[in-house]
PDB file of N, CA and C in Angstrom:
ATOM      1  N   MET A   1      63.046  67.908  95.628  1.00  0.00           N
ATOM      2  CA  MET A   1      64.428  68.044  96.011  1.00  0.00           C
ATOM      3  C   MET A   1      64.565  67.795  97.511  1.00  0.00           C
ATOM      4  N   GLY A   2      65.611  67.090  97.895  1.00  0.00           N
ATOM      5  CA  GLY A   2      65.855  66.834  99.300  1.00  0.00           C
ATOM      6  C   GLY A   2      65.077  65.672  99.870  1.00  0.00           C
ATOM      7  N   LYS A   3      64.364  64.899  99.019  1.00  0.00           N
ATOM      8  CA  LYS A   3      63.623  63.739  99.514  1.00  0.00           C
ATOM      9  C   LYS A   3      64.525  62.511  99.450  1.00  0.00           C
ATOM     10  N   PRO A   4      64.550  61.714 100.541  1.00  0.00           N
ATOM     11  CA  PRO A   4      65.449  60.555 100.558  1.00  0.00           C
ATOM     12  C   PRO A   4      65.043  59.473  99.554  1.00  0.00           C
ATOM     13  N   ASN A   5      66.042  58.856  98.965  1.00  0.00           N
ATOM     14  CA  ASN A   5      65.885  57.714  98.071  1.00  0.00           C
ATOM     15  C   ASN A   5      66.928  56.678  98.454  1.00  0.00           C
ATOM     16  N   GLY A   6      66.556  55.392  98.397  1.00  0.00           N
ATOM     17  CA  GLY A   6      67.474  54.331  98.782  1.00  0.00           C
ATOM     18  C   GLY A   6      67.246  53.929 100.222  1.00  0.00           C
ATOM     19  N   PHE A   7      68.264  53.332 100.821  1.00  0.00           N
ATOM     20  CA  PHE A   7      68.168  52.875 102.196  1.00  0.00           C
ATOM     21  C   PHE A   7      68.475  54.020 103.150  1.00  0.00           C
ATOM     22  N   GLY A   8      67.714  54.090 104.260  1.00  0.00           N
ATOM     23  CA  GLY A   8      67.984  55.128 105.242  1.00  0.00           C
ATOM     24  C   GLY A   8      67.266  54.885 106.547  1.00  0.00           C
ATOM     25  N   ILE A   9      67.461  55.815 107.469  1.00  0.00           N
ATOM     26  CA  ILE A   9      66.836  55.757 108.792  1.00  0.00           C
ATOM     27  C   ILE A   9      66.104  57.068 109.027  1.00  0.00           C
ATOM     28  N   PHE A  10      64.852  56.971 109.485  1.00  0.00           N
ATOM     29  CA  PHE A  10      64.030  58.130 109.800  1.00  0.00           C
ATOM     30  C   PHE A  10      63.652  58.039 111.272  1.00  0.00           C
ATOM     31  N   ILE A  11      63.905  59.111 112.029  1.00  0.00           N
ATOM     32  CA  ILE A  11      63.533  59.161 113.443  1.00  0.00           C
ATOM     33  C   ILE A  11      62.796  60.473 113.677  1.00  0.00           C
ATOM     34  N   ASN A  12      61.604  60.366 114.281  1.00  0.00           N
ATOM     35  CA  ASN A  12      60.807  61.544 114.575  1.00  0.00           C
ATOM     36  C   ASN A  12      60.064  61.284 115.891  1.00  0.00           C
ATOM     37  N   GLY A  13      60.622  61.771 116.972  1.00  0.00           N
ATOM     38  CA  GLY A  13      59.994  61.563 118.284  1.00  0.00           C
ATOM     39  C   GLY A  13      59.991  60.097 118.654  1.00  0.00           C
ATOM     40  N   THR A  14      58.812  59.492 118.731  1.00  0.00           N
ATOM     41  CA  THR A  14      58.689  58.096 119.137  1.00  0.00           C
ATOM     42  C   THR A  14      58.573  57.146 117.949  1.00  0.00           C
ATOM     43  N   VAL A  15      58.783  57.639 116.740  1.00  0.00           N
ATOM     44  CA  VAL A  15      58.695  56.817 115.532  1.00  0.00           C
ATOM     45  C   VAL A  15      60.089  56.633 114.955  1.00  0.00           C
ATOM     46  N   ARG A  16      60.431  55.375 114.635  1.00  0.00           N
ATOM     47  CA  ARG A  16      61.722  55.080 114.006  1.00  0.00           C
ATOM     48  C   ARG A  16      61.477  54.121 112.857  1.00  0.00           C
ATOM     49  N   TYR A  17      62.004  54.463 111.678  1.00  0.00           N
ATOM     50  CA  TYR A  17      61.892  53.612 110.497  1.00  0.00           C
ATOM     51  C   TYR A  17      63.281  53.394 109.933  1.00  0.00           C
ATOM     52  N   GLU A  18      63.558  52.156 109.586  1.00  0.00           N
ATOM     53  CA  GLU A  18      64.822  51.809 108.946  1.00  0.00           C
ATOM     54  C   GLU A  18      64.491  50.947 107.741  1.00  0.00           C
ATOM     55  N   GLY A  19      64.806  51.456 106.552  1.00  0.00           N
ATOM     56  CA  GLY A  19      64.486  50.689 105.355  1.00  0.00           C
ATOM     57  C   GLY A  19      64.584  51.529 104.108  1.00  0.00           C
ATOM     58  N   GLY A  20      63.854  51.103 103.096  1.00  0.00           N
ATOM     59  CA  GLY A  20      63.910  51.746 101.793  1.00  0.00           C
ATOM     60  C   GLY A  20      63.018  52.965 101.689  1.00  0.00           C
ATOM     61  N   PHE A  21      63.480  53.917 100.865  1.00  0.00           N
ATOM     62  CA  PHE A  21      62.734  55.139 100.572  1.00  0.00           C
ATOM     63  C   PHE A  21      62.693  55.359  99.066  1.00  0.00           C
ATOM     64  N   ILE A  22      61.584  55.872  98.582  1.00  0.00           N
ATOM     65  CA  ILE A  22      61.484  56.412  97.227  1.00  0.00           C
ATOM     66  C   ILE A  22      60.749  57.730  97.355  1.00  0.00           C
ATOM     67  N   ASP A  23      61.393  58.801  96.928  1.00  0.00           N
ATOM     68  CA  ASP A  23      60.836  60.163  97.015  1.00  0.00           C
ATOM     69  C   ASP A  23      60.324  60.483  98.419  1.00  0.00           C
ATOM     70  N   GLY A  24      61.052  60.044  99.431  1.00  0.00           N
ATOM     71  CA  GLY A  24      60.725  60.390 100.812  1.00  0.00           C
ATOM     72  C   GLY A  24      59.668  59.525 101.464  1.00  0.00           C
ATOM     73  N   THR A  25      59.126  58.509 100.758  1.00  0.00           N
ATOM     74  CA  THR A  25      58.121  57.637 101.366  1.00  0.00           C
ATOM     75  C   THR A  25      58.720  56.259 101.624  1.00  0.00           C
ATOM     76  N   PHE A  26      58.209  55.588 102.661  1.00  0.00           N
ATOM     77  CA  PHE A  26      58.671  54.239 102.999  1.00  0.00           C
ATOM     78  C   PHE A  26      58.277  53.310 101.853  1.00  0.00           C
ATOM     79  N   THR A  27      59.255  52.624 101.287  1.00  0.00           N
ATOM     80  CA  THR A  27      58.999  51.732 100.155  1.00  0.00           C
ATOM     81  C   THR A  27      59.956  50.554 100.207  1.00  0.00           C
ATOM     82  N   GLY A  28      59.447  49.361  99.891  1.00  0.00           N
ATOM     83  CA  GLY A  28      60.263  48.158  99.954  1.00  0.00           C
ATOM     84  C   GLY A  28      60.259  47.603 101.361  1.00  0.00           C
ATOM     85  N   HIS A  29      61.291  46.863 101.691  1.00  0.00           N
ATOM     86  CA  HIS A  29      61.354  46.261 103.030  1.00  0.00           C
ATOM     87  C   HIS A  29      61.838  47.282 104.048  1.00  0.00           C
ATOM     88  N   GLY A  30      61.211  47.261 105.231  1.00  0.00           N
ATOM     89  CA  GLY A  30      61.625  48.158 106.302  1.00  0.00           C
ATOM     90  C   GLY A  30      61.139  47.679 107.650  1.00  0.00           C
ATOM     91  N   ILE A  31      61.670  48.329 108.688  1.00  0.00           N
ATOM     92  CA  ILE A  31      61.261  48.053 110.065  1.00  0.00           C
ATOM     93  C   ILE A  31      60.777  49.365 110.677  1.00  0.00           C
ATOM     94  N   LEU A  32      59.554  49.368 111.157  1.00  0.00           N
ATOM     95  CA  LEU A  32      58.936  50.554 111.750  1.00  0.00           C
ATOM     96  C   LEU A  32      58.679  50.283 113.223  1.00  0.00           C
ATOM     97  N   MET A  33      59.200  51.144 114.095  1.00  0.00           N
ATOM     98  CA  MET A  33      58.962  51.061 115.539  1.00  0.00           C
ATOM     99  C   MET A  33      58.154  52.290 115.952  1.00  0.00           C
ATOM    100  N   ILE A  34      57.097  52.070 116.719  1.00  0.00           N
ATOM    101  CA  ILE A  34      56.264  53.167 117.192  1.00  0.00           C
ATOM    102  C   ILE A  34      56.190  53.092 118.710  1.00  0.00           C
ATOM    103  N   GLU A  35      56.680  54.135 119.378  1.00  0.00           N
ATOM    104  CA  GLU A  35      56.627  54.291 120.837  1.00  0.00           C
ATOM    105  C   GLU A  35      57.175  53.093 121.598  1.00  0.00           C
ATOM    106  N   ASN A  36      58.131  52.378 121.061  1.00  0.00           N
ATOM    107  CA  ASN A  36      58.679  51.177 121.698  1.00  0.00           C
ATOM    108  C   ASN A  36      57.579  50.204 122.120  1.00  0.00           C
ATOM    109  N   GLN A  37      56.430  50.284 121.453  1.00  0.00           N
ATOM    110  CA  GLN A  37      55.321  49.395 121.765  1.00  0.00           C
ATOM    111  C   GLN A  37      54.971  48.519 120.569  1.00  0.00           C
ATOM    112  N   TYR A  38      55.013  49.066 119.376  1.00  0.00           N
ATOM    113  CA  TYR A  38      54.652  48.331 118.173  1.00  0.00           C
ATOM    114  C   TYR A  38      55.847  48.267 117.228  1.00  0.00           C
ATOM    115  N   ARG A  39      56.015  47.101 116.625  1.00  0.00           N
ATOM    116  CA  ARG A  39      57.079  46.940 115.647  1.00  0.00           C
ATOM    117  C   ARG A  39      56.499  46.229 114.437  1.00  0.00           C
ATOM    118  N   TYR A  40      56.756  46.773 113.266  1.00  0.00           N
ATOM    119  CA  TYR A  40      56.355  46.134 112.009  1.00  0.00           C
ATOM    120  C   TYR A  40      57.612  45.880 111.206  1.00  0.00           C
ATOM    121  N   ASP A  41      57.788  44.658 110.777  1.00  0.00           N
ATOM    122  CA  ASP A  41      58.933  44.253 109.968  1.00  0.00           C
ATOM    123  C   ASP A  41      58.356  43.639 108.701  1.00  0.00           C
ATOM    124  N   GLY A  42      58.429  44.379 107.602  1.00  0.00           N
ATOM    125  CA  GLY A  42      57.837  43.855 106.385  1.00  0.00           C
ATOM    126  C   GLY A  42      57.905  44.834 105.239  1.00  0.00           C
ATOM    127  N   HIS A  43      56.996  44.655 104.322  1.00  0.00           N
ATOM    128  CA  HIS A  43      57.000  45.401 103.072  1.00  0.00           C
ATOM    129  C   HIS A  43      56.137  46.665 103.176  1.00  0.00           C
ATOM    130  N   PHE A  44      56.626  47.728 102.552  1.00  0.00           N
ATOM    131  CA  PHE A  44      55.909  49.004 102.471  1.00  0.00           C
ATOM    132  C   PHE A  44      55.717  49.374 101.005  1.00  0.00           C
ATOM    133  N   GLN A  45      54.616  50.060 100.733  1.00  0.00           N
ATOM    134  CA  GLN A  45      54.354  50.600  99.402  1.00  0.00           C
ATOM    135  C   GLN A  45      53.722  51.968  99.582  1.00  0.00           C
ATOM    136  N   MET A  46      54.321  52.971  99.002  1.00  0.00           N
ATOM    137  CA  MET A  46      53.806  54.346  99.086  1.00  0.00           C
ATOM    138  C   MET A  46      53.588  54.797 100.536  1.00  0.00           C
ATOM    139  N   GLY A  47      54.494  54.398 101.437  1.00  0.00           N
ATOM    140  CA  GLY A  47      54.432  54.833 102.826  1.00  0.00           C
ATOM    141  C   GLY A  47      53.510  54.037 103.718  1.00  0.00           C
ATOM    142  N   GLU A  48      52.878  52.974 103.194  1.00  0.00           N
ATOM    143  CA  GLU A  48      51.943  52.178 103.984  1.00  0.00           C
ATOM    144  C   GLU A  48      52.399  50.729 104.061  1.00  0.00           C
ATOM    145  N   LYS A  49      52.009  50.043 105.142  1.00  0.00           N
ATOM    146  CA  LYS A  49      52.259  48.609 105.251  1.00  0.00           C
ATOM    147  C   LYS A  49      51.468  47.931 104.136  1.00  0.00           C
ATOM    148  N   HIS A  50      52.171  47.197 103.287  1.00  0.00           N
ATOM    149  CA  HIS A  50      51.512  46.604 102.121  1.00  0.00           C
ATOM    150  C   HIS A  50      52.320  45.397 101.660  1.00  0.00           C
ATOM    151  N   GLY A  51      51.740  44.208 101.724  1.00  0.00           N
ATOM    152  CA  GLY A  51      52.446  42.975 101.374  1.00  0.00           C
ATOM    153  C   GLY A  51      52.632  42.135 102.623  1.00  0.00           C
ATOM    154  N   ASN A  52      53.605  41.269 102.602  1.00  0.00           N
ATOM    155  CA  ASN A  52      53.856  40.391 103.753  1.00  0.00           C
ATOM    156  C   ASN A  52      54.628  41.120 104.835  1.00  0.00           C
ATOM    157  N   GLY A  53      54.258  40.846 106.086  1.00  0.00           N
ATOM    158  CA  GLY A  53      54.955  41.471 107.197  1.00  0.00           C
ATOM    159  C   GLY A  53      54.613  40.812 108.516  1.00  0.00           C
ATOM    160  N   VAL A  54      55.338  41.252 109.541  1.00  0.00           N
ATOM    161  CA  VAL A  54      55.129  40.758 110.904  1.00  0.00           C
ATOM    162  C   VAL A  54      54.922  41.974 111.797  1.00  0.00           C
ATOM    163  N   MET A  55      53.819  41.988 112.545  1.00  0.00           N
ATOM    164  CA  MET A  55      53.497  43.078 113.457  1.00  0.00           C
ATOM    165  C   MET A  55      53.557  42.535 114.877  1.00  0.00           C
ATOM    166  N   TYR A  56      54.289  43.238 115.735  1.00  0.00           N
ATOM    167  CA  TYR A  56      54.447  42.839 117.135  1.00  0.00           C
ATOM    168  C   TYR A  56      53.841  43.904 118.044  1.00  0.00           C
ATOM    169  N   ASP A  57      53.076  43.478 119.034  1.00  0.00           N
ATOM    170  CA  ASP A  57      52.695  44.342 120.144  1.00  0.00           C
ATOM    171  C   ASP A  57      53.618  43.934 121.279  1.00  0.00           C
ATOM    172  N   LEU A  58      54.631  44.736 121.534  1.00  0.00           N
ATOM    173  CA  LEU A  58      55.685  44.362 122.459  1.00  0.00           C
ATOM    174  C   LEU A  58      55.239  44.344 123.918  1.00  0.00           C
ATOM    175  N   HIS A  59      54.181  45.072 124.255  1.00  0.00           N
ATOM    176  CA  HIS A  59      53.692  45.082 125.640  1.00  0.00           C
ATOM    177  C   HIS A  59      52.779  43.895 125.924  1.00  0.00           C
ATOM    178  N   LYS A  60      51.939  43.525 124.970  1.00  0.00           N
ATOM    179  CA  LYS A  60      51.009  42.406 125.154  1.00  0.00           C
ATOM    180  C   LYS A  60      51.604  41.075 124.689  1.00  0.00           C
ATOM    181  N   HIS A  61      52.781  41.136 124.063  1.00  0.00           N
ATOM    182  CA  HIS A  61      53.469  39.942 123.556  1.00  0.00           C
ATOM    183  C   HIS A  61      52.633  39.217 122.502  1.00  0.00           C
ATOM    184  N   VAL A  62      51.954  39.996 121.662  1.00  0.00           N
ATOM    185  CA  VAL A  62      51.149  39.449 120.581  1.00  0.00           C
ATOM    186  C   VAL A  62      51.898  39.655 119.268  1.00  0.00           C
ATOM    187  N   LYS A  63      51.892  38.616 118.437  1.00  0.00           N
ATOM    188  CA  LYS A  63      52.583  38.666 117.149  1.00  0.00           C
ATOM    189  C   LYS A  63      51.588  38.300 116.057  1.00  0.00           C
ATOM    190  N   PHE A  64      51.552  39.089 114.998  1.00  0.00           N
ATOM    191  CA  PHE A  64      50.746  38.763 113.813  1.00  0.00           C
ATOM    192  C   PHE A  64      51.684  38.695 112.623  1.00  0.00           C
ATOM    193  N   TRP A  65      51.607  37.622 111.867  1.00  0.00           N
ATOM    194  CA  TRP A  65      52.369  37.569 110.626  1.00  0.00           C
ATOM    195  C   TRP A  65      51.424  37.154 109.516  1.00  0.00           C
ATOM    196  N   GLY A  66      51.522  37.901 108.407  1.00  0.00           N
ATOM    197  CA  GLY A  66      50.621  37.645 107.292  1.00  0.00           C
ATOM    198  C   GLY A  66      50.653  38.779 106.302  1.00  0.00           C
ATOM    199  N   GLU A  67      49.506  39.012 105.692  1.00  0.00           N
ATOM    200  CA  GLU A  67      49.392  39.984 104.616  1.00  0.00           C
ATOM    201  C   GLU A  67      48.778  41.298 105.110  1.00  0.00           C
ATOM    202  N   PHE A  68      49.266  42.381 104.520  1.00  0.00           N
ATOM    203  CA  PHE A  68      48.753  43.718 104.804  1.00  0.00           C
ATOM    204  C   PHE A  68      48.404  44.405 103.489  1.00  0.00           C
ATOM    205  N   ARG A  69      47.422  45.284 103.542  1.00  0.00           N
ATOM    206  CA  ARG A  69      47.087  46.121 102.390  1.00  0.00           C
ATOM    207  C   ARG A  69      46.659  47.484 102.915  1.00  0.00           C
ATOM    208  N   GLU A  70      47.298  48.528 102.414  1.00  0.00           N
ATOM    209  CA  GLU A  70      46.989  49.907 102.801  1.00  0.00           C
ATOM    210  C   GLU A  70      46.941  50.072 104.318  1.00  0.00           C
ATOM    211  N   ASN A  71      47.999  49.600 105.002  1.00  0.00           N
ATOM    212  CA  ASN A  71      48.184  49.724 106.453  1.00  0.00           C
ATOM    213  C   ASN A  71      47.296  48.814 107.293  1.00  0.00           C
ATOM    214  N   GLU A  72      46.474  47.977 106.691  1.00  0.00           N
ATOM    215  CA  GLU A  72      45.553  47.115 107.436  1.00  0.00           C
ATOM    216  C   GLU A  72      45.873  45.647 107.195  1.00  0.00           C
ATOM    217  N   LYS A  73      45.560  44.797 108.161  1.00  0.00           N
ATOM    218  CA  LYS A  73      45.651  43.355 107.943  1.00  0.00           C
ATOM    219  C   LYS A  73      44.654  43.011 106.850  1.00  0.00           C
ATOM    220  N   HIS A  74      45.114  42.214 105.880  1.00  0.00           N
ATOM    221  CA  HIS A  74      44.236  41.899 104.752  1.00  0.00           C
ATOM    222  C   HIS A  74      44.705  40.588 104.123  1.00  0.00           C
ATOM    223  N   GLY A  75      43.857  39.592 104.107  1.00  0.00           N
ATOM    224  CA  GLY A  75      44.232  38.286 103.587  1.00  0.00           C
ATOM    225  C   GLY A  75      44.396  37.309 104.736  1.00  0.00           C
ATOM    226  N   ILE A  76      45.233  36.309 104.523  1.00  0.00           N
ATOM    227  CA  ILE A  76      45.433  35.273 105.523  1.00  0.00           C
ATOM    228  C   ILE A  76      46.606  35.627 106.421  1.00  0.00           C
ATOM    229  N   GLY A  77      46.425  35.408 107.717  1.00  0.00           N
ATOM    230  CA  GLY A  77      47.490  35.678 108.666  1.00  0.00           C
ATOM    231  C   GLY A  77      47.344  34.829 109.914  1.00  0.00           C
ATOM    232  N   PHE A  78      48.394  34.823 110.712  1.00  0.00           N
ATOM    233  CA  PHE A  78      48.427  34.074 111.961  1.00  0.00           C
ATOM    234  C   PHE A  78      48.631  35.045 113.114  1.00  0.00           C
ATOM    235  N   THR A  79      47.922  34.803 114.216  1.00  0.00           N
ATOM    236  CA  THR A  79      48.088  35.606 115.419  1.00  0.00           C
ATOM    237  C   THR A  79      48.534  34.673 116.540  1.00  0.00           C
ATOM    238  N   ARG A  80      49.572  35.096 117.269  1.00  0.00           N
ATOM    239  CA  ARG A  80      50.082  34.321 118.402  1.00  0.00           C
ATOM    240  C   ARG A  80      50.052  35.206 119.638  1.00  0.00           C
ATOM    241  N   TRP A  81      49.550  34.661 120.754  1.00  0.00           N
ATOM    242  CA  TRP A  81      49.502  35.396 122.005  1.00  0.00           C
ATOM    243  C   TRP A  81      49.801  34.429 123.153  1.00  0.00           C
ATOM    244  N   PRO A  82      50.223  34.953 124.312  1.00  0.00           N
ATOM    245  CA  PRO A  82      50.583  34.081 125.436  1.00  0.00           C
ATOM    246  C   PRO A  82      49.400  33.250 125.917  1.00  0.00           C
ATOM    247  N   GLY A  83      49.703  32.011 126.327  1.00  0.00           N
ATOM    248  CA  GLY A  83      48.679  31.141 126.892  1.00  0.00           C
ATOM    249  C   GLY A  83      48.321  31.580 128.303  1.00  0.00           C
ATOM    250  N   PHE A  84      47.222  31.044 128.811  1.00  0.00           N
ATOM    251  CA  PHE A  84      46.747  31.432 130.141  1.00  0.00           C
ATOM    252  C   PHE A  84      47.734  31.026 131.221  1.00  0.00           C
ATOM    253  N   LEU A  85      48.177  29.780 131.204  1.00  0.00           N
ATOM    254  CA  LEU A  85      49.111  29.312 132.230  1.00  0.00           C
ATOM    255  C   LEU A  85      50.541  29.188 131.701  1.00  0.00           C
ATOM    256  N   TYR A  86      50.697  28.747 130.452  1.00  0.00           N
ATOM    257  CA  TYR A  86      52.025  28.563 129.879  1.00  0.00           C
ATOM    258  C   TYR A  86      51.893  28.451 128.360  1.00  0.00           C
ATOM    259  N   GLY A  87      53.021  28.506 127.691  1.00  0.00           N
ATOM    260  CA  GLY A  87      53.026  28.365 126.241  1.00  0.00           C
ATOM    261  C   GLY A  87      52.359  29.542 125.544  1.00  0.00           C
ATOM    262  N   PHE A  88      51.832  29.275 124.370  1.00  0.00           N
ATOM    263  CA  PHE A  88      51.151  30.321 123.617  1.00  0.00           C
ATOM    264  C   PHE A  88      50.066  29.707 122.741  1.00  0.00           C
ATOM    265  N   ASN A  89      49.160  30.558 122.281  1.00  0.00           N
ATOM    266  CA  ASN A  89      48.065  30.168 121.403  1.00  0.00           C
ATOM    267  C   ASN A  89      48.346  30.731 120.012  1.00  0.00           C
ATOM    268  N   VAL A  90      47.921  30.009 118.982  1.00  0.00           N
ATOM    269  CA  VAL A  90      48.053  30.482 117.606  1.00  0.00           C
ATOM    270  C   VAL A  90      46.707  30.321 116.921  1.00  0.00           C
ATOM    271  N   ARG A  91      46.324  31.342 116.186  1.00  0.00           N
ATOM    272  CA  ARG A  91      45.065  31.294 115.430  1.00  0.00           C
ATOM    273  C   ARG A  91      45.337  31.767 114.007  1.00  0.00           C
ATOM    274  N   LYS A  92      44.789  31.042 113.053  1.00  0.00           N
ATOM    275  CA  LYS A  92      44.874  31.423 111.642  1.00  0.00           C
ATOM    276  C   LYS A  92      43.564  32.112 111.278  1.00  0.00           C
ATOM    277  N   ASN A  93      43.666  33.288 110.661  1.00  0.00           N
ATOM    278  CA  ASN A  93      42.481  34.087 110.361  1.00  0.00           C
ATOM    279  C   ASN A  93      42.483  34.581 108.918  1.00  0.00           C
ATOM    280  N   MET A  94      41.302  34.926 108.471  1.00  0.00           N
ATOM    281  CA  MET A  94      41.131  35.639 107.206  1.00  0.00           C
ATOM    282  C   MET A  94      40.722  37.064 107.563  1.00  0.00           C
ATOM    283  N   TRP A  95      41.432  38.052 107.007  1.00  0.00           N
ATOM    284  CA  TRP A  95      41.181  39.464 107.297  1.00  0.00           C
ATOM    285  C   TRP A  95      40.772  40.200 106.028  1.00  0.00           C
ATOM    286  N   ARG A  96      39.946  41.219 106.196  1.00  0.00           N
ATOM    287  CA  ARG A  96      39.597  42.104 105.083  1.00  0.00           C
ATOM    288  C   ARG A  96      39.570  43.526 105.626  1.00  0.00           C
ATOM    289  N   ASN A  97      40.471  44.365 105.109  1.00  0.00           N
ATOM    290  CA  ASN A  97      40.552  45.784 105.492  1.00  0.00           C
ATOM    291  C   ASN A  97      40.639  45.980 107.003  1.00  0.00           C
ATOM    292  N   GLY A  98      41.457  45.161 107.670  1.00  0.00           N
ATOM    293  CA  GLY A  98      41.685  45.308 109.100  1.00  0.00           C
ATOM    294  C   GLY A  98      40.651  44.671 109.992  1.00  0.00           C
ATOM    295  N   ILE A  99      39.652  44.007 109.410  1.00  0.00           N
ATOM    296  CA  ILE A  99      38.587  43.372 110.188  1.00  0.00           C
ATOM    297  C   ILE A  99      38.709  41.866 110.037  1.00  0.00           C
ATOM    298  N   GLN A 100      38.756  41.159 111.168  1.00  0.00           N
ATOM    299  CA  GLN A 100      38.844  39.707 111.134  1.00  0.00           C
ATOM    300  C   GLN A 100      37.520  39.147 110.641  1.00  0.00           C
ATOM    301  N   LYS A 101      37.574  38.324 109.590  1.00  0.00           N
ATOM    302  CA  LYS A 101      36.360  37.757 109.011  1.00  0.00           C
ATOM    303  C   LYS A 101      36.065  36.361 109.548  1.00  0.00           C
ATOM    304  N   ILE A 102      37.023  35.446 109.463  1.00  0.00           N
ATOM    305  CA  ILE A 102      36.778  34.077 109.937  1.00  0.00           C
ATOM    306  C   ILE A 102      38.066  33.475 110.470  1.00  0.00           C
ATOM    307  N   ASP A 103      37.918  32.489 111.362  1.00  0.00           N
ATOM    308  CA  ASP A 103      39.037  31.674 111.802  1.00  0.00           C
ATOM    309  C   ASP A 103      39.167  30.519 110.816  1.00  0.00           C
ATOM    310  N   LEU A 104      40.393  30.151 110.510  1.00  0.00           N
ATOM    311  CA  LEU A 104      40.663  29.070 109.584  1.00  0.00           C
ATOM    312  C   LEU A 104      41.396  27.944 110.294  1.00  0.00           C
ATOM    313  N   PRO A 105      41.212  26.704 109.856  1.00  0.00           N
ATOM    314  CA  PRO A 105      42.005  25.620 110.439  1.00  0.00           C
ATOM    315  C   PRO A 105      43.466  25.802 110.073  1.00  0.00           C
ATOM    316  N   HIS A 106      44.376  25.417 110.977  1.00  0.00           N
ATOM    317  CA  HIS A 106      45.794  25.585 110.678  1.00  0.00           C
ATOM    318  C   HIS A 106      46.541  24.298 110.972  1.00  0.00           C
ATOM    319  N   SER A 107      46.182  23.261 110.268  1.00  0.00           N
ATOM    320  CA  SER A 107      46.813  21.957 110.475  1.00  0.00           C
ATOM    321  C   SER A 107      48.256  21.931 110.031  1.00  0.00           C
ATOM    322  N   GLU A 108      48.699  22.932 109.255  1.00  0.00           N
ATOM    323  CA  GLU A 108      50.087  22.944 108.779  1.00  0.00           C
ATOM    324  C   GLU A 108      51.074  23.401 109.830  1.00  0.00           C
ATOM    325  N   LEU A 109      50.612  23.853 111.000  1.00  0.00           N
ATOM    326  CA  LEU A 109      51.526  24.295 112.043  1.00  0.00           C
ATOM    327  C   LEU A 109      52.155  23.128 112.743  1.00  0.00           C
TER     328      LEU A 109
END
């Protein structure tokens, strides 16, 4: 009783979530902000990042878009970070349980 269901906003200190809830857990599409430093825009399952999403490190200007499983990067994803002098770098990677396994060619970019 009293657990949110449907669309809503959760704010607790430095954590802000806007998206779907089922029985009080983050479920479906949502946006999670942590300490105005990290932002995740993507799919949640049972309160965890799970499925396709985009993770931003707002201080380092690093962006990862790809697959997540149980709150970890998992599967194929792309990482973009600022270049040394100008522009930006992009790398395509294969991840397993939050650990980068291999770099992949990304000729489709």
